[in-house]
Amino acid sequence: MDKMILLTIGKNLRKLRLFFGYSQQELSYILDVTQTTYSKWESDLKTPTIRNLIKVSQLYKIPLEDLVYDQLKFDHIQRSA
C-alpha cells in the first residue's frame, strides 16, 4: 500500500475517533483489537487489515474509501454511530 495512503489512514482514524468522542480503549473493544494495536494504527506504525477498515467504515457509516482520502470531509458524517 502507498505510504501516503497509510499516513492518511492513521490521521483519519484519529480524526474520526475524536469527532465521535471515543477513546482508543473504547474503539479497540468495539473493533476487537488491543488498545496497543489501535494506537499503532493511528500512529501509522501498523496497518489495519481490510477487514478492520471495513469494521471502522461500518461503525462510522462512511464509505471505505473515505478512510484513505487526504482531506476527510465531515459535512456528510452523522454523529449517530
N, C-alpha and C. Protein backbone atom coordinates (compact mmCIF):
# COMPACT_ATOMS: atom_id res chain seq x y z
N MET A 1 0.85 -1.18 0.00
CA MET A 1 0.00 0.00 0.00
C MET A 1 0.89 1.24 0.00
N ASP A 2 0.45 2.25 -0.68
CA ASP A 2 1.20 3.51 -0.79
C ASP A 2 1.41 4.12 0.59
N LYS A 3 2.64 4.58 0.87
CA LYS A 3 2.97 5.16 2.19
C LYS A 3 2.10 6.37 2.51
N MET A 4 1.79 7.20 1.50
CA MET A 4 0.95 8.38 1.73
C MET A 4 -0.45 7.96 2.17
N ILE A 5 -0.99 6.92 1.55
CA ILE A 5 -2.30 6.42 1.95
C ILE A 5 -2.26 5.93 3.39
N LEU A 6 -1.20 5.22 3.76
CA LEU A 6 -1.08 4.72 5.13
C LEU A 6 -1.06 5.87 6.12
N LEU A 7 -0.33 6.94 5.82
CA LEU A 7 -0.29 8.09 6.71
C LEU A 7 -1.66 8.73 6.82
N THR A 8 -2.40 8.75 5.72
CA THR A 8 -3.74 9.32 5.72
C THR A 8 -4.69 8.47 6.55
N ILE A 9 -4.59 7.16 6.46
CA ILE A 9 -5.48 6.28 7.22
C ILE A 9 -5.32 6.54 8.72
N GLY A 10 -4.12 6.58 9.21
CA GLY A 10 -3.90 6.82 10.64
C GLY A 10 -4.45 8.16 11.08
N LYS A 11 -4.20 9.18 10.28
CA LYS A 11 -4.69 10.52 10.59
C LYS A 11 -6.22 10.55 10.59
N ASN A 12 -6.83 9.89 9.62
CA ASN A 12 -8.29 9.88 9.54
C ASN A 12 -8.92 9.05 10.66
N LEU A 13 -8.28 7.96 11.05
CA LEU A 13 -8.79 7.17 12.17
C LEU A 13 -8.84 8.03 13.43
N ARG A 14 -7.80 8.79 13.66
CA ARG A 14 -7.75 9.67 14.84
C ARG A 14 -8.83 10.76 14.75
N LYS A 15 -8.94 11.40 13.60
CA LYS A 15 -9.95 12.45 13.42
C LYS A 15 -11.36 11.92 13.67
N LEU A 16 -11.65 10.76 13.10
CA LEU A 16 -12.98 10.18 13.28
C LEU A 16 -13.23 9.80 14.73
N ARG A 17 -12.25 9.20 15.37
CA ARG A 17 -12.41 8.80 16.78
C ARG A 17 -12.72 10.01 17.64
N LEU A 18 -11.99 11.08 17.45
CA LEU A 18 -12.21 12.29 18.24
C LEU A 18 -13.54 12.95 17.89
N PHE A 19 -13.90 12.95 16.62
CA PHE A 19 -15.18 13.52 16.17
C PHE A 19 -16.35 12.83 16.85
N PHE A 20 -16.26 11.50 16.98
CA PHE A 20 -17.34 10.73 17.59
C PHE A 20 -17.19 10.60 19.11
N GLY A 21 -16.10 11.09 19.67
CA GLY A 21 -15.93 11.11 21.11
C GLY A 21 -15.52 9.78 21.74
N TYR A 22 -14.88 8.93 20.99
CA TYR A 22 -14.41 7.66 21.53
C TYR A 22 -12.99 7.79 22.06
N SER A 23 -12.68 6.96 23.06
CA SER A 23 -11.28 6.79 23.47
C SER A 23 -10.70 5.66 22.63
N GLN A 24 -9.39 5.56 22.62
CA GLN A 24 -8.76 4.44 21.91
C GLN A 24 -9.18 3.12 22.54
N GLN A 25 -9.31 3.10 23.85
CA GLN A 25 -9.70 1.87 24.54
C GLN A 25 -11.11 1.44 24.14
N GLU A 26 -12.04 2.40 24.07
CA GLU A 26 -13.41 2.07 23.66
C GLU A 26 -13.43 1.50 22.24
N LEU A 27 -12.73 2.15 21.35
CA LEU A 27 -12.73 1.69 19.96
C LEU A 27 -12.05 0.34 19.81
N SER A 28 -10.98 0.13 20.54
CA SER A 28 -10.31 -1.17 20.45
C SER A 28 -11.24 -2.29 20.91
N TYR A 29 -12.06 -2.02 21.92
CA TYR A 29 -13.04 -3.00 22.39
C TYR A 29 -14.09 -3.26 21.30
N ILE A 30 -14.63 -2.19 20.73
CA ILE A 30 -15.65 -2.31 19.69
C ILE A 30 -15.11 -3.08 18.48
N LEU A 31 -13.87 -2.81 18.11
CA LEU A 31 -13.29 -3.42 16.92
C LEU A 31 -12.61 -4.76 17.21
N ASP A 32 -12.58 -5.15 18.48
CA ASP A 32 -12.00 -6.42 18.91
C ASP A 32 -10.51 -6.52 18.57
N VAL A 33 -9.78 -5.45 18.91
CA VAL A 33 -8.32 -5.43 18.80
C VAL A 33 -7.78 -4.87 20.11
N THR A 34 -6.50 -5.02 20.34
CA THR A 34 -5.94 -4.45 21.56
C THR A 34 -5.82 -2.94 21.42
N GLN A 35 -5.77 -2.26 22.55
CA GLN A 35 -5.60 -0.81 22.52
C GLN A 35 -4.26 -0.45 21.91
N THR A 36 -3.25 -1.26 22.15
CA THR A 36 -1.93 -1.03 21.57
C THR A 36 -1.99 -1.10 20.04
N THR A 37 -2.70 -2.09 19.53
CA THR A 37 -2.85 -2.21 18.07
C THR A 37 -3.55 -1.00 17.50
N TYR A 38 -4.65 -0.58 18.13
CA TYR A 38 -5.38 0.58 17.61
C TYR A 38 -4.49 1.83 17.65
N SER A 39 -3.76 1.99 18.72
CA SER A 39 -2.85 3.13 18.83
C SER A 39 -1.81 3.12 17.71
N LYS A 40 -1.30 1.95 17.39
CA LYS A 40 -0.32 1.83 16.30
C LYS A 40 -0.94 2.17 14.95
N TRP A 41 -2.22 1.87 14.77
CA TRP A 41 -2.90 2.27 13.53
C TRP A 41 -2.91 3.78 13.40
N GLU A 42 -3.31 4.45 14.47
CA GLU A 42 -3.39 5.91 14.44
C GLU A 42 -2.01 6.55 14.27
N SER A 43 -1.00 5.91 14.79
CA SER A 43 0.37 6.43 14.70
C SER A 43 1.09 5.99 13.43
N ASP A 44 0.38 5.24 12.59
CA ASP A 44 0.95 4.72 11.34
C ASP A 44 2.14 3.80 11.57
N LEU A 45 2.14 3.12 12.71
CA LEU A 45 3.19 2.14 12.99
C LEU A 45 2.75 0.74 12.57
N LYS A 46 1.45 0.58 12.33
CA LYS A 46 0.89 -0.69 11.92
C LYS A 46 -0.27 -0.39 10.97
N THR A 47 -0.48 -1.26 10.01
CA THR A 47 -1.55 -1.06 9.03
C THR A 47 -2.75 -1.93 9.39
N PRO A 48 -3.95 -1.33 9.48
CA PRO A 48 -5.14 -2.15 9.74
C PRO A 48 -5.42 -3.08 8.55
N THR A 49 -5.96 -4.23 8.83
CA THR A 49 -6.36 -5.14 7.76
C THR A 49 -7.58 -4.55 7.06
N ILE A 50 -7.85 -5.04 5.87
CA ILE A 50 -9.04 -4.58 5.15
C ILE A 50 -10.30 -4.92 5.95
N ARG A 51 -10.29 -6.05 6.63
CA ARG A 51 -11.44 -6.43 7.46
C ARG A 51 -11.67 -5.40 8.57
N ASN A 52 -10.59 -4.94 9.19
CA ASN A 52 -10.73 -3.93 10.24
C ASN A 52 -11.13 -2.57 9.67
N LEU A 53 -10.63 -2.24 8.49
CA LEU A 53 -11.05 -0.98 7.86
C LEU A 53 -12.54 -1.02 7.52
N ILE A 54 -13.03 -2.17 7.10
CA ILE A 54 -14.46 -2.32 6.83
C ILE A 54 -15.26 -2.14 8.11
N LYS A 55 -14.80 -2.73 9.22
CA LYS A 55 -15.47 -2.56 10.51
C LYS A 55 -15.55 -1.08 10.89
N VAL A 56 -14.45 -0.35 10.68
CA VAL A 56 -14.41 1.08 11.00
C VAL A 56 -15.41 1.83 10.13
N SER A 57 -15.41 1.55 8.84
CA SER A 57 -16.33 2.26 7.94
C SER A 57 -17.78 1.96 8.29
N GLN A 58 -18.07 0.74 8.69
CA GLN A 58 -19.43 0.38 9.11
C GLN A 58 -19.81 1.06 10.42
N LEU A 59 -18.89 1.11 11.35
CA LEU A 59 -19.15 1.76 12.63
C LEU A 59 -19.52 3.23 12.43
N TYR A 60 -18.75 3.92 11.61
CA TYR A 60 -18.97 5.35 11.39
C TYR A 60 -19.96 5.63 10.26
N LYS A 61 -20.41 4.57 9.59
CA LYS A 61 -21.37 4.70 8.48
C LYS A 61 -20.83 5.62 7.39
N ILE A 62 -19.59 5.35 7.00
CA ILE A 62 -18.96 6.11 5.92
C ILE A 62 -18.43 5.13 4.88
N PRO A 63 -18.28 5.58 3.64
CA PRO A 63 -17.69 4.70 2.63
C PRO A 63 -16.24 4.36 3.00
N LEU A 64 -15.85 3.16 2.70
CA LEU A 64 -14.50 2.70 2.99
C LEU A 64 -13.45 3.64 2.40
N GLU A 65 -13.68 4.13 1.20
CA GLU A 65 -12.69 4.99 0.56
C GLU A 65 -12.48 6.31 1.30
N ASP A 66 -13.45 6.75 2.11
CA ASP A 66 -13.27 7.98 2.89
C ASP A 66 -12.09 7.86 3.87
N LEU A 67 -11.78 6.65 4.29
CA LEU A 67 -10.67 6.45 5.22
C LEU A 67 -9.32 6.74 4.60
N VAL A 68 -9.25 6.69 3.27
CA VAL A 68 -7.96 6.89 2.62
C VAL A 68 -7.83 8.25 1.96
N TYR A 69 -8.88 9.06 1.99
CA TYR A 69 -8.79 10.39 1.40
C TYR A 69 -7.96 11.30 2.29
N ASP A 70 -7.12 12.09 1.67
CA ASP A 70 -6.27 13.01 2.42
C ASP A 70 -7.08 14.09 3.11
N GLN A 71 -8.15 14.52 2.50
CA GLN A 71 -8.99 15.59 3.07
C GLN A 71 -10.35 15.00 3.46
N LEU A 72 -10.39 14.33 4.59
CA LEU A 72 -11.63 13.74 5.07
C LEU A 72 -12.62 14.85 5.37
N LYS A 73 -13.81 14.75 4.80
CA LYS A 73 -14.86 15.76 4.99
C LYS A 73 -15.88 15.24 6.01
N PHE A 74 -16.24 16.09 6.94
CA PHE A 74 -17.18 15.69 7.98
C PHE A 74 -18.60 16.18 7.71
N ASP A 75 -18.80 16.92 6.62
CA ASP A 75 -20.12 17.50 6.37
C ASP A 75 -21.19 16.46 6.08
N HIS A 76 -20.82 15.27 5.65
CA HIS A 76 -21.80 14.22 5.37
C HIS A 76 -21.80 13.11 6.42
N ILE A 77 -21.03 13.27 7.47
CA ILE A 77 -20.92 12.24 8.50
C ILE A 77 -21.84 12.59 9.67
N GLN A 78 -22.69 11.63 10.04
CA GLN A 78 -23.60 11.81 11.16
C GLN A 78 -22.94 11.30 12.43
N ARG A 79 -23.16 11.97 13.54
CA ARG A 79 -22.55 11.55 14.81
C ARG A 79 -23.31 10.42 15.50
N SER A 80 -24.22 9.79 14.83
CA SER A 80 -25.05 8.76 15.46
C SER A 80 -24.44 7.37 15.42
N ALA A 81 -23.15 7.28 15.19
CA ALA A 81 -22.50 5.95 15.11
C ALA A 81 -22.56 5.24 16.44
